[in-house]
Amino acid sequence: MQGKDTFTQADASRIRYLLYKKVQQSGKAWKKPIRDELRSMGFYISDYGGYAFTVEDFDRLVIKGRIKIVG
């Protein structure tokens, strides 16, 4: 695992927004800044799945306890 598995409520909200935004964008050039911001927060999509990771996938991992939300 490269990143973290525990995030604050604010971080989780930002991650959800960025994941939603990533799905809406097309082309690598538009998605790279989003991935960079996610990584700067300690969230690496590759830790949890593949390229097509979505908000629903994130929420599923929170429910399963693989990602923890604190605060």
PDB file of N, CA and C in Angstrom:
ATOM      1  N   MET A   1       0.849  -1.172   0.000  1.00  0.00           N
ATOM      2  CA  MET A   1       0.000   0.000   0.000  1.00  0.00           C
ATOM      3  C   MET A   1       0.897   1.239   0.000  1.00  0.00           C
ATOM      4  N   GLN A   2       0.643   2.127  -0.934  1.00  0.00           N
ATOM      5  CA  GLN A   2       1.426   3.355  -1.038  1.00  0.00           C
ATOM      6  C   GLN A   2       0.858   4.478  -0.181  1.00  0.00           C
ATOM      7  N   GLY A   3      -0.450   4.515  -0.082  1.00  0.00           N
ATOM      8  CA  GLY A   3      -1.108   5.633   0.586  1.00  0.00           C
ATOM      9  C   GLY A   3      -1.662   5.269   1.944  1.00  0.00           C
ATOM     10  N   LYS A   4      -2.592   6.105   2.405  1.00  0.00           N
ATOM     11  CA  LYS A   4      -3.226   5.927   3.699  1.00  0.00           C
ATOM     12  C   LYS A   4      -4.540   5.173   3.543  1.00  0.00           C
ATOM     13  N   ASP A   5      -5.042   4.672   4.677  1.00  0.00           N
ATOM     14  CA  ASP A   5      -6.368   4.053   4.663  1.00  0.00           C
ATOM     15  C   ASP A   5      -7.299   4.722   5.667  1.00  0.00           C
ATOM     16  N   THR A   6      -6.841   5.822   6.284  1.00  0.00           N
ATOM     17  CA  THR A   6      -7.643   6.578   7.248  1.00  0.00           C
ATOM     18  C   THR A   6      -7.651   8.038   6.830  1.00  0.00           C
ATOM     19  N   PHE A   7      -8.864   8.596   6.755  1.00  0.00           N
ATOM     20  CA  PHE A   7      -9.036   9.963   6.287  1.00  0.00           C
ATOM     21  C   PHE A   7     -10.025  10.693   7.177  1.00  0.00           C
ATOM     22  N   THR A   8      -9.918  12.020   7.221  1.00  0.00           N
ATOM     23  CA  THR A   8     -10.891  12.831   7.946  1.00  0.00           C
ATOM     24  C   THR A   8     -12.174  12.924   7.122  1.00  0.00           C
ATOM     25  N   GLN A   9     -13.228  13.422   7.755  1.00  0.00           N
ATOM     26  CA  GLN A   9     -14.493  13.634   7.033  1.00  0.00           C
ATOM     27  C   GLN A   9     -14.277  14.591   5.859  1.00  0.00           C
ATOM     28  N   ALA A  10     -13.516  15.660   6.107  1.00  0.00           N
ATOM     29  CA  ALA A  10     -13.263  16.651   5.048  1.00  0.00           C
ATOM     30  C   ALA A  10     -12.483  16.019   3.897  1.00  0.00           C
ATOM     31  N   ASP A  11     -11.466  15.221   4.231  1.00  0.00           N
ATOM     32  CA  ASP A  11     -10.694  14.539   3.186  1.00  0.00           C
ATOM     33  C   ASP A  11     -11.584  13.586   2.392  1.00  0.00           C
ATOM     34  N   ALA A  12     -12.431  12.844   3.083  1.00  0.00           N
ATOM     35  CA  ALA A  12     -13.313  11.891   2.404  1.00  0.00           C
ATOM     36  C   ALA A  12     -14.262  12.613   1.449  1.00  0.00           C
ATOM     37  N   SER A  13     -14.773  13.744   1.872  1.00  0.00           N
ATOM     38  CA  SER A  13     -15.653  14.529   0.989  1.00  0.00           C
ATOM     39  C   SER A  13     -14.898  15.006  -0.242  1.00  0.00           C
ATOM     40  N   ARG A  14     -13.673  15.452  -0.042  1.00  0.00           N
ATOM     41  CA  ARG A  14     -12.850  15.920  -1.167  1.00  0.00           C
ATOM     42  C   ARG A  14     -12.508  14.756  -2.101  1.00  0.00           C
ATOM     43  N   ILE A  15     -12.182  13.604  -1.542  1.00  0.00           N
ATOM     44  CA  ILE A  15     -11.881  12.420  -2.348  1.00  0.00           C
ATOM     45  C   ILE A  15     -13.093  12.040  -3.194  1.00  0.00           C
ATOM     46  N   ARG A  16     -14.273  12.038  -2.585  1.00  0.00           N
ATOM     47  CA  ARG A  16     -15.498  11.718  -3.334  1.00  0.00           C
ATOM     48  C   ARG A  16     -15.693  12.693  -4.498  1.00  0.00           C
ATOM     49  N   TYR A  17     -15.503  13.990  -4.218  1.00  0.00           N
ATOM     50  CA  TYR A  17     -15.652  15.002  -5.267  1.00  0.00           C
ATOM     51  C   TYR A  17     -14.656  14.766  -6.400  1.00  0.00           C
ATOM     52  N   LEU A  18     -13.397  14.518  -6.050  1.00  0.00           N
ATOM     53  CA  LEU A  18     -12.372  14.312  -7.070  1.00  0.00           C
ATOM     54  C   LEU A  18     -12.620  13.050  -7.880  1.00  0.00           C
ATOM     55  N   LEU A  19     -13.073  11.979  -7.222  1.00  0.00           N
ATOM     56  CA  LEU A  19     -13.394  10.749  -7.956  1.00  0.00           C
ATOM     57  C   LEU A  19     -14.542  10.992  -8.925  1.00  0.00           C
ATOM     58  N   TYR A  20     -15.562  11.722  -8.479  1.00  0.00           N
ATOM     59  CA  TYR A  20     -16.681  12.065  -9.361  1.00  0.00           C
ATOM     60  C   TYR A  20     -16.172  12.878 -10.557  1.00  0.00           C
ATOM     61  N   LYS A  21     -15.333  13.866 -10.267  1.00  0.00           N
ATOM     62  CA  LYS A  21     -14.795  14.729 -11.323  1.00  0.00           C
ATOM     63  C   LYS A  21     -13.937  13.927 -12.308  1.00  0.00           C
ATOM     64  N   LYS A  22     -13.169  12.967 -11.790  1.00  0.00           N
ATOM     65  CA  LYS A  22     -12.313  12.142 -12.653  1.00  0.00           C
ATOM     66  C   LYS A  22     -13.141  11.337 -13.644  1.00  0.00           C
ATOM     67  N   VAL A  23     -14.253  10.812 -13.195  1.00  0.00           N
ATOM     68  CA  VAL A  23     -15.119  10.023 -14.078  1.00  0.00           C
ATOM     69  C   VAL A  23     -15.713  10.910 -15.174  1.00  0.00           C
ATOM     70  N   GLN A  24     -15.986  12.168 -14.851  1.00  0.00           N
ATOM     71  CA  GLN A  24     -16.611  13.078 -15.809  1.00  0.00           C
ATOM     72  C   GLN A  24     -15.639  13.573 -16.881  1.00  0.00           C
ATOM     73  N   GLN A  25     -14.344  13.573 -16.588  1.00  0.00           N
ATOM     74  CA  GLN A  25     -13.337  14.075 -17.516  1.00  0.00           C
ATOM     75  C   GLN A  25     -12.968  13.008 -18.537  1.00  0.00           C
ATOM     76  N   SER A  26     -12.505  13.455 -19.677  1.00  0.00           N
ATOM     77  CA  SER A  26     -11.989  12.513 -20.661  1.00  0.00           C
ATOM     78  C   SER A  26     -10.566  12.919 -21.020  1.00  0.00           C
ATOM     79  N   GLY A  27      -9.744  11.933 -21.225  1.00  0.00           N
ATOM     80  CA  GLY A  27      -8.362  12.178 -21.603  1.00  0.00           C
ATOM     81  C   GLY A  27      -7.426  12.232 -20.412  1.00  0.00           C
ATOM     82  N   LYS A  28      -6.243  11.659 -20.608  1.00  0.00           N
ATOM     83  CA  LYS A  28      -5.252  11.585 -19.541  1.00  0.00           C
ATOM     84  C   LYS A  28      -4.823  12.960 -19.048  1.00  0.00           C
ATOM     85  N   ALA A  29      -4.696  13.901 -19.947  1.00  0.00           N
ATOM     86  CA  ALA A  29      -4.220  15.233 -19.561  1.00  0.00           C
ATOM     87  C   ALA A  29      -5.161  15.897 -18.555  1.00  0.00           C
ATOM     88  N   TRP A  30      -6.454  15.637 -18.646  1.00  0.00           N
ATOM     89  CA  TRP A  30      -7.425  16.224 -17.719  1.00  0.00           C
ATOM     90  C   TRP A  30      -7.475  15.461 -16.408  1.00  0.00           C
ATOM     91  N   LYS A  31      -7.214  14.158 -16.448  1.00  0.00           N
ATOM     92  CA  LYS A  31      -7.324  13.324 -15.245  1.00  0.00           C
ATOM     93  C   LYS A  31      -6.068  13.373 -14.380  1.00  0.00           C
ATOM     94  N   LYS A  32      -4.918  13.644 -14.979  1.00  0.00           N
ATOM     95  CA  LYS A  32      -3.665  13.625 -14.226  1.00  0.00           C
ATOM     96  C   LYS A  32      -3.666  14.598 -13.042  1.00  0.00           C
ATOM     97  N   PRO A  33      -4.099  15.853 -13.203  1.00  0.00           N
ATOM     98  CA  PRO A  33      -4.114  16.748 -12.036  1.00  0.00           C
ATOM     99  C   PRO A  33      -5.028  16.247 -10.912  1.00  0.00           C
ATOM    100  N   ILE A  34      -6.102  15.564 -11.282  1.00  0.00           N
ATOM    101  CA  ILE A  34      -7.007  15.007 -10.281  1.00  0.00           C
ATOM    102  C   ILE A  34      -6.305  13.879  -9.528  1.00  0.00           C
ATOM    103  N   ARG A  35      -5.654  12.988 -10.249  1.00  0.00           N
ATOM    104  CA  ARG A  35      -4.903  11.902  -9.599  1.00  0.00           C
ATOM    105  C   ARG A  35      -3.796  12.466  -8.717  1.00  0.00           C
ATOM    106  N   ASP A  36      -3.132  13.503  -9.200  1.00  0.00           N
ATOM    107  CA  ASP A  36      -2.069  14.129  -8.411  1.00  0.00           C
ATOM    108  C   ASP A  36      -2.609  14.681  -7.091  1.00  0.00           C
ATOM    109  N   GLU A  37      -3.767  15.316  -7.137  1.00  0.00           N
ATOM    110  CA  GLU A  37      -4.353  15.854  -5.901  1.00  0.00           C
ATOM    111  C   GLU A  37      -4.765  14.725  -4.960  1.00  0.00           C
ATOM    112  N   LEU A  38      -5.353  13.658  -5.510  1.00  0.00           N
ATOM    113  CA  LEU A  38      -5.708  12.510  -4.676  1.00  0.00           C
ATOM    114  C   LEU A  38      -4.465  11.945  -3.989  1.00  0.00           C
ATOM    115  N   ARG A  39      -3.399  11.823  -4.733  1.00  0.00           N
ATOM    116  CA  ARG A  39      -2.152  11.280  -4.181  1.00  0.00           C
ATOM    117  C   ARG A  39      -1.567  12.205  -3.114  1.00  0.00           C
ATOM    118  N   SER A  40      -1.688  13.504  -3.314  1.00  0.00           N
ATOM    119  CA  SER A  40      -1.168  14.445  -2.317  1.00  0.00           C
ATOM    120  C   SER A  40      -1.927  14.326  -0.996  1.00  0.00           C
ATOM    121  N   MET A  41      -3.155  13.806  -1.063  1.00  0.00           N
ATOM    122  CA  MET A  41      -3.947  13.570   0.143  1.00  0.00           C
ATOM    123  C   MET A  41      -3.652  12.195   0.752  1.00  0.00           C
ATOM    124  N   GLY A  42      -2.844  11.413   0.064  1.00  0.00           N
ATOM    125  CA  GLY A  42      -2.522  10.074   0.543  1.00  0.00           C
ATOM    126  C   GLY A  42      -3.449   8.998   0.016  1.00  0.00           C
ATOM    127  N   PHE A  43      -4.271   9.336  -0.979  1.00  0.00           N
ATOM    128  CA  PHE A  43      -5.196   8.358  -1.563  1.00  0.00           C
ATOM    129  C   PHE A  43      -4.676   7.924  -2.930  1.00  0.00           C
ATOM    130  N   TYR A  44      -4.352   6.653  -3.029  1.00  0.00           N
ATOM    131  CA  TYR A  44      -3.871   6.072  -4.283  1.00  0.00           C
ATOM    132  C   TYR A  44      -4.914   5.077  -4.780  1.00  0.00           C
ATOM    133  N   ILE A  45      -5.499   5.353  -5.924  1.00  0.00           N
ATOM    134  CA  ILE A  45      -6.503   4.462  -6.498  1.00  0.00           C
ATOM    135  C   ILE A  45      -5.940   3.057  -6.658  1.00  0.00           C
ATOM    136  N   SER A  46      -4.679   2.958  -7.016  1.00  0.00           N
ATOM    137  CA  SER A  46      -4.059   1.647  -7.246  1.00  0.00           C
ATOM    138  C   SER A  46      -4.012   0.789  -5.980  1.00  0.00           C
ATOM    139  N   ASP A  47      -4.132   1.395  -4.805  1.00  0.00           N
ATOM    140  CA  ASP A  47      -4.183   0.623  -3.562  1.00  0.00           C
ATOM    141  C   ASP A  47      -5.495  -0.149  -3.436  1.00  0.00           C
ATOM    142  N   TYR A  48      -6.524   0.284  -4.131  1.00  0.00           N
ATOM    143  CA  TYR A  48      -7.864  -0.262  -3.927  1.00  0.00           C
ATOM    144  C   TYR A  48      -8.512  -0.855  -5.163  1.00  0.00           C
ATOM    145  N   GLY A  49      -7.909  -0.707  -6.289  1.00  0.00           N
ATOM    146  CA  GLY A  49      -8.552  -1.222  -7.488  1.00  0.00           C
ATOM    147  C   GLY A  49      -7.850  -0.694  -8.712  1.00  0.00           C
ATOM    148  N   GLY A  50      -8.613  -0.543  -9.733  1.00  0.00           N
ATOM    149  CA  GLY A  50      -8.018  -0.154 -10.996  1.00  0.00           C
ATOM    150  C   GLY A  50      -8.424   1.223 -11.460  1.00  0.00           C
ATOM    151  N   TYR A  51      -8.221   1.413 -12.699  1.00  0.00           N
ATOM    152  CA  TYR A  51      -8.408   2.677 -13.390  1.00  0.00           C
ATOM    153  C   TYR A  51      -9.824   3.245 -13.236  1.00  0.00           C
ATOM    154  N   ALA A  52     -10.817   2.391 -13.260  1.00  0.00           N
ATOM    155  CA  ALA A  52     -12.211   2.841 -13.275  1.00  0.00           C
ATOM    156  C   ALA A  52     -12.807   2.976 -11.871  1.00  0.00           C
ATOM    157  N   PHE A  53     -12.000   3.304 -10.876  1.00  0.00           N
ATOM    158  CA  PHE A  53     -12.447   3.439  -9.494  1.00  0.00           C
ATOM    159  C   PHE A  53     -13.411   4.614  -9.388  1.00  0.00           C
ATOM    160  N   THR A  54     -14.549   4.409  -8.716  1.00  0.00           N
ATOM    161  CA  THR A  54     -15.602   5.426  -8.640  1.00  0.00           C
ATOM    162  C   THR A  54     -15.919   5.799  -7.185  1.00  0.00           C
ATOM    163  N   VAL A  55     -16.789   6.781  -7.041  1.00  0.00           N
ATOM    164  CA  VAL A  55     -17.275   7.181  -5.715  1.00  0.00           C
ATOM    165  C   VAL A  55     -17.956   5.994  -5.034  1.00  0.00           C
ATOM    166  N   GLU A  56     -18.703   5.230  -5.793  1.00  0.00           N
ATOM    167  CA  GLU A  56     -19.394   4.063  -5.238  1.00  0.00           C
ATOM    168  C   GLU A  56     -18.398   3.037  -4.717  1.00  0.00           C
ATOM    169  N   ASP A  57     -17.297   2.846  -5.429  1.00  0.00           N
ATOM    170  CA  ASP A  57     -16.247   1.935  -4.965  1.00  0.00           C
ATOM    171  C   ASP A  57     -15.646   2.440  -3.651  1.00  0.00           C
ATOM    172  N   PHE A  58     -15.404   3.735  -3.565  1.00  0.00           N
ATOM    173  CA  PHE A  58     -14.868   4.337  -2.346  1.00  0.00           C
ATOM    174  C   PHE A  58     -15.822   4.086  -1.183  1.00  0.00           C
ATOM    175  N   ASP A  59     -17.107   4.381  -1.384  1.00  0.00           N
ATOM    176  CA  ASP A  59     -18.102   4.196  -0.323  1.00  0.00           C
ATOM    177  C   ASP A  59     -18.223   2.731   0.089  1.00  0.00           C
ATOM    178  N   ARG A  60     -18.116   1.829  -0.862  1.00  0.00           N
ATOM    179  CA  ARG A  60     -18.166   0.393  -0.568  1.00  0.00           C
ATOM    180  C   ARG A  60     -17.005  -0.009   0.348  1.00  0.00           C
ATOM    181  N   LEU A  61     -15.827   0.526   0.090  1.00  0.00           N
ATOM    182  CA  LEU A  61     -14.662   0.217   0.919  1.00  0.00           C
ATOM    183  C   LEU A  61     -14.786   0.824   2.309  1.00  0.00           C
ATOM    184  N   VAL A  62     -15.449   1.961   2.412  1.00  0.00           N
ATOM    185  CA  VAL A  62     -15.707   2.559   3.732  1.00  0.00           C
ATOM    186  C   VAL A  62     -16.642   1.647   4.516  1.00  0.00           C
ATOM    187  N   ILE A  63     -17.691   1.173   3.880  1.00  0.00           N
ATOM    188  CA  ILE A  63     -18.649   0.280   4.541  1.00  0.00           C
ATOM    189  C   ILE A  63     -17.972  -1.011   4.992  1.00  0.00           C
ATOM    190  N   LYS A  64     -17.104  -1.551   4.144  1.00  0.00           N
ATOM    191  CA  LYS A  64     -16.391  -2.795   4.473  1.00  0.00           C
ATOM    192  C   LYS A  64     -15.295  -2.586   5.524  1.00  0.00           C
ATOM    193  N   GLY A  65     -14.920  -1.337   5.787  1.00  0.00           N
ATOM    194  CA  GLY A  65     -13.911  -1.037   6.782  1.00  0.00           C
ATOM    195  C   GLY A  65     -12.487  -1.004   6.260  1.00  0.00           C
ATOM    196  N   ARG A  66     -12.305  -1.132   4.962  1.00  0.00           N
ATOM    197  CA  ARG A  66     -10.941  -1.055   4.387  1.00  0.00           C
ATOM    198  C   ARG A  66     -10.438   0.375   4.350  1.00  0.00           C
ATOM    199  N   ILE A  67     -11.380   1.331   4.277  1.00  0.00           N
ATOM    200  CA  ILE A  67     -11.049   2.744   4.394  1.00  0.00           C
ATOM    201  C   ILE A  67     -11.795   3.262   5.619  1.00  0.00           C
ATOM    202  N   LYS A  68     -11.080   3.965   6.486  1.00  0.00           N
ATOM    203  CA  LYS A  68     -11.665   4.484   7.710  1.00  0.00           C
ATOM    204  C   LYS A  68     -11.817   5.998   7.626  1.00  0.00           C
ATOM    205  N   ILE A  69     -12.963   6.484   8.107  1.00  0.00           N
ATOM    206  CA  ILE A  69     -13.219   7.908   8.170  1.00  0.00           C
ATOM    207  C   ILE A  69     -13.276   8.291   9.646  1.00  0.00           C
ATOM    208  N   VAL A  70     -12.448   9.254  10.045  1.00  0.00           N
ATOM    209  CA  VAL A  70     -12.390   9.685  11.446  1.00  0.00           C
ATOM    210  C   VAL A  70     -12.782  11.150  11.552  1.00  0.00           C
ATOM    211  N   GLY A  71     -13.159  11.516  12.761  1.00  0.00           N
ATOM    212  CA  GLY A  71     -13.483  12.926  13.019  1.00  0.00           C
ATOM    213  C   GLY A  71     -14.861  13.216  12.642  1.00  0.00           C
TER     214      GLY A  71
END
